[in-house]
Amino acid sequence: MKLWRLLGTRTSALGAAGGQASVETVFLIPLLLMLLFGAYQLARVFYVYHTLQKALRGGAGLLARSSNVNYCDTADQMLADARNFIVYGNIQGTGEPIVTGLTPDMIQVFPERVVAGSTTVIQCLCGEEDSCDIATGGRPPDYVTVNLGGGFPLEVPFPYVRFGTLNLQVSVRMPVTGG
């Protein structure tokens, strides 16, 4: 009979190898969980950004195809409808926001015009000659830009670590076709 069978050293060597695998697994599980959770948070950030961008694109498209929008009057009903459409997905402003924490007050709308003889786009100011103020006889802008002003604050929670808040800057420019 073999000596290692009598002494039992072969069995203890296998037991030690099994114990080492257990210790390695204990060290790797938290690391793998952190990687998994980090991938989830990264995917969530991209999802929220994409959702905000789609909402702004829809609102900018609504404004760009609408006629007689007075961009110089902040109380214009079409501007309020577009803000509601961006936030709630409907012009009535009812229901839950498409992204939690998004409010109509966060939405900024800027009419823009192409400088004659150039490719430069500038903000169309109200009350000036050749303005976008249709109430005073101005012509519609060439573009409408819709953005989130100061950005959208997105909290990124992570176990035992505070990464803080990401400020998502989303902006959409659309050519005005509604006249």
Foldseek 3Di string as FASTA:
>chain_A
DDPCVVVVPVVVVVVVVVVVVVVVVVVVVVVVVQVVLVVVLVVVVVVVLVLLQVLQVVLQVQQLQAPPQFLVDPPTLSLQQSLLCSQPVGSVNDDHGPDPPDDSVQKDKFFWAADPPDRDIDTFDPPDPLGCGVVVPHNHGQKMKMWRVQADWDFRDDPPDGPGTDGHTHMDMDTRDND
